[in-house]
Amino acid sequence: MNWLEKLKDKWGISSNIQIVLIFIVFAINGSFAAWVAKPITEFVGVTSDTAKWIYYPVRILLVFPIYQFTLPLVGFVFGQFKFFWEFEKKMFSRFRRNPK
């Protein structure tokens, strides 16, 4: 079983087209989240002229929640809302677990 078949099995996908759409959504959403974060960082007064040790952590802290929020939305545009909604729920459930 090759890596693509393993991934399809892990994600519960049967179609190669669906996995291509999922990869496209991940790619577009990453760029989209970074694009949306730029004016927000500038609004709060953090620009590329700001010290790098401030600028990059602020950008990362902004991009992460934007990415999580927009992932199901971009997935919806590509007809993959159900996959990304389940993906988000599974990821957030991992954050809530209590370490033992």
C-alpha atoms as a PDB file:
ATOM      1  CA  MET A   1       0.000   0.000   0.000  1.00  0.00           C
ATOM      2  CA  ASN A   2       1.543   3.316  -1.057  1.00  0.00           C
ATOM      3  CA  TRP A   3       1.502   6.530   0.964  1.00  0.00           C
ATOM      4  CA  LEU A   4      -1.477   7.944  -0.931  1.00  0.00           C
ATOM      5  CA  GLU A   5      -3.610   4.880  -0.216  1.00  0.00           C
ATOM      6  CA  LYS A   6      -2.570   4.964   3.456  1.00  0.00           C
ATOM      7  CA  LEU A   7      -3.534   8.624   3.695  1.00  0.00           C
ATOM      8  CA  LYS A   8      -6.876   8.015   1.989  1.00  0.00           C
ATOM      9  CA  ASP A   9      -7.556   5.141   4.396  1.00  0.00           C
ATOM     10  CA  LYS A  10      -6.565   7.234   7.437  1.00  0.00           C
ATOM     11  CA  TRP A  11      -8.791  10.138   6.363  1.00  0.00           C
ATOM     12  CA  GLY A  12     -11.661   7.925   5.222  1.00  0.00           C
ATOM     13  CA  ILE A  13     -11.458   9.089   1.615  1.00  0.00           C
ATOM     14  CA  SER A  14     -12.160   6.911  -1.389  1.00  0.00           C
ATOM     15  CA  SER A  15     -11.500   9.306  -4.267  1.00  0.00           C
ATOM     16  CA  ASN A  16      -8.213  10.600  -5.640  1.00  0.00           C
ATOM     17  CA  ILE A  17     -10.058  13.755  -6.708  1.00  0.00           C
ATOM     18  CA  GLN A  18     -11.116  14.374  -3.109  1.00  0.00           C
ATOM     19  CA  ILE A  19      -7.554  14.080  -1.833  1.00  0.00           C
ATOM     20  CA  VAL A  20      -6.372  16.522  -4.513  1.00  0.00           C
ATOM     21  CA  LEU A  21      -9.098  18.964  -3.433  1.00  0.00           C
ATOM     22  CA  ILE A  22      -8.049  18.566   0.214  1.00  0.00           C
ATOM     23  CA  PHE A  23      -4.412  19.310  -0.649  1.00  0.00           C
ATOM     24  CA  ILE A  24      -5.520  22.380  -2.625  1.00  0.00           C
ATOM     25  CA  VAL A  25      -7.597  23.607   0.336  1.00  0.00           C
ATOM     26  CA  PHE A  26      -4.652  23.216   2.724  1.00  0.00           C
ATOM     27  CA  ALA A  27      -2.395  25.160   0.332  1.00  0.00           C
ATOM     28  CA  ILE A  28      -4.842  27.961  -0.400  1.00  0.00           C
ATOM     29  CA  ASN A  29      -5.859  28.349   3.214  1.00  0.00           C
ATOM     30  CA  GLY A  30      -2.269  28.720   4.404  1.00  0.00           C
ATOM     31  CA  SER A  31      -1.669  31.566   1.992  1.00  0.00           C
ATOM     32  CA  PHE A  32      -5.065  33.079   2.736  1.00  0.00           C
ATOM     33  CA  ALA A  33      -4.486  33.056   6.507  1.00  0.00           C
ATOM     34  CA  ALA A  34      -1.104  34.762   6.097  1.00  0.00           C
ATOM     35  CA  TRP A  35      -2.669  37.326   3.752  1.00  0.00           C
ATOM     36  CA  VAL A  36      -5.484  38.090   6.240  1.00  0.00           C
ATOM     37  CA  ALA A  37      -3.034  38.361   9.157  1.00  0.00           C
ATOM     38  CA  LYS A  38      -0.955  41.079   7.475  1.00  0.00           C
ATOM     39  CA  PRO A  39      -3.454  43.971   7.785  1.00  0.00           C
ATOM     40  CA  ILE A  40      -4.356  42.846  11.304  1.00  0.00           C
ATOM     41  CA  THR A  41      -0.717  43.001  12.420  1.00  0.00           C
ATOM     42  CA  GLU A  42      -0.388  46.422  10.829  1.00  0.00           C
ATOM     43  CA  PHE A  43      -3.592  47.558  12.550  1.00  0.00           C
ATOM     44  CA  VAL A  44      -2.163  46.678  15.965  1.00  0.00           C
ATOM     45  CA  GLY A  45       1.036  48.541  15.072  1.00  0.00           C
ATOM     46  CA  VAL A  46       3.291  45.613  14.265  1.00  0.00           C
ATOM     47  CA  THR A  47       4.902  46.004  10.838  1.00  0.00           C
ATOM     48  CA  SER A  48       7.818  44.394   9.040  1.00  0.00           C
ATOM     49  CA  ASP A  49       9.935  47.263  10.449  1.00  0.00           C
ATOM     50  CA  THR A  50       9.193  46.038  13.986  1.00  0.00           C
ATOM     51  CA  ALA A  51      11.911  44.001  15.695  1.00  0.00           C
ATOM     52  CA  LYS A  52      11.866  40.475  14.276  1.00  0.00           C
ATOM     53  CA  TRP A  53      11.608  38.899  17.740  1.00  0.00           C
ATOM     54  CA  ILE A  54       8.270  40.716  18.137  1.00  0.00           C
ATOM     55  CA  TYR A  55       7.023  40.635  14.544  1.00  0.00           C
ATOM     56  CA  TYR A  56       7.242  36.890  13.879  1.00  0.00           C
ATOM     57  CA  PRO A  57       5.687  35.665  17.148  1.00  0.00           C
ATOM     58  CA  VAL A  58       2.797  38.110  16.680  1.00  0.00           C
ATOM     59  CA  ARG A  59       2.287  36.961  13.085  1.00  0.00           C
ATOM     60  CA  ILE A  60       2.330  33.300  14.104  1.00  0.00           C
ATOM     61  CA  LEU A  61      -0.082  33.943  16.967  1.00  0.00           C
ATOM     62  CA  LEU A  62      -2.441  35.643  14.507  1.00  0.00           C
ATOM     63  CA  VAL A  63      -2.075  33.227  11.604  1.00  0.00           C
ATOM     64  CA  PHE A  64      -2.848  30.144  13.696  1.00  0.00           C
ATOM     65  CA  PRO A  65      -6.409  31.093  14.786  1.00  0.00           C
ATOM     66  CA  ILE A  66      -7.160  32.678  11.408  1.00  0.00           C
ATOM     67  CA  TYR A  67      -6.070  29.452   9.718  1.00  0.00           C
ATOM     68  CA  GLN A  68      -8.275  27.354  11.995  1.00  0.00           C
ATOM     69  CA  PHE A  69     -11.275  29.598  11.440  1.00  0.00           C
ATOM     70  CA  THR A  70     -10.940  29.818   7.667  1.00  0.00           C
ATOM     71  CA  LEU A  71     -10.076  26.169   6.990  1.00  0.00           C
ATOM     72  CA  PRO A  72     -13.698  24.925   6.996  1.00  0.00           C
ATOM     73  CA  LEU A  73     -14.751  28.008   5.011  1.00  0.00           C
ATOM     74  CA  VAL A  74     -12.227  27.415   2.243  1.00  0.00           C
ATOM     75  CA  GLY A  75     -13.094  23.714   2.426  1.00  0.00           C
ATOM     76  CA  PHE A  76     -16.728  24.646   1.834  1.00  0.00           C
ATOM     77  CA  VAL A  77     -15.803  26.521  -1.341  1.00  0.00           C
ATOM     78  CA  PHE A  78     -14.174  23.339  -2.652  1.00  0.00           C
ATOM     79  CA  GLY A  79     -17.002  21.066  -1.525  1.00  0.00           C
ATOM     80  CA  GLN A  80     -14.991  19.570   1.344  1.00  0.00           C
ATOM     81  CA  PHE A  81     -16.659  21.216   4.341  1.00  0.00           C
ATOM     82  CA  LYS A  82     -17.565  17.933   6.038  1.00  0.00           C
ATOM     83  CA  PHE A  83     -13.966  16.679   5.892  1.00  0.00           C
ATOM     84  CA  PHE A  84     -12.520  19.903   7.283  1.00  0.00           C
ATOM     85  CA  TRP A  85     -15.201  20.291   9.940  1.00  0.00           C
ATOM     86  CA  GLU A  86     -14.361  16.810  11.243  1.00  0.00           C
ATOM     87  CA  PHE A  87     -10.647  17.598  10.912  1.00  0.00           C
ATOM     88  CA  GLU A  88     -11.065  20.743  13.051  1.00  0.00           C
ATOM     89  CA  LYS A  89     -13.150  18.966  15.706  1.00  0.00           C
ATOM     90  CA  LYS A  90     -10.566  16.202  15.982  1.00  0.00           C
ATOM     91  CA  MET A  91      -7.701  18.680  16.277  1.00  0.00           C
ATOM     92  CA  PHE A  92      -9.414  20.785  18.945  1.00  0.00           C
ATOM     93  CA  SER A  93     -10.336  17.683  20.911  1.00  0.00           C
ATOM     94  CA  ARG A  94      -6.605  16.977  21.201  1.00  0.00           C
ATOM     95  CA  PHE A  95      -6.077  20.387  22.817  1.00  0.00           C
ATOM     96  CA  ARG A  96      -8.661  19.648  25.499  1.00  0.00           C
ATOM     97  CA  ARG A  97      -7.161  16.375  26.681  1.00  0.00           C
ATOM     98  CA  ASN A  98      -5.661  16.390  30.125  1.00  0.00           C
ATOM     99  CA  PRO A  99      -2.094  15.072  30.143  1.00  0.00           C
ATOM    100  CA  LYS A 100      -1.577  12.269  32.629  1.00  0.00           C
END
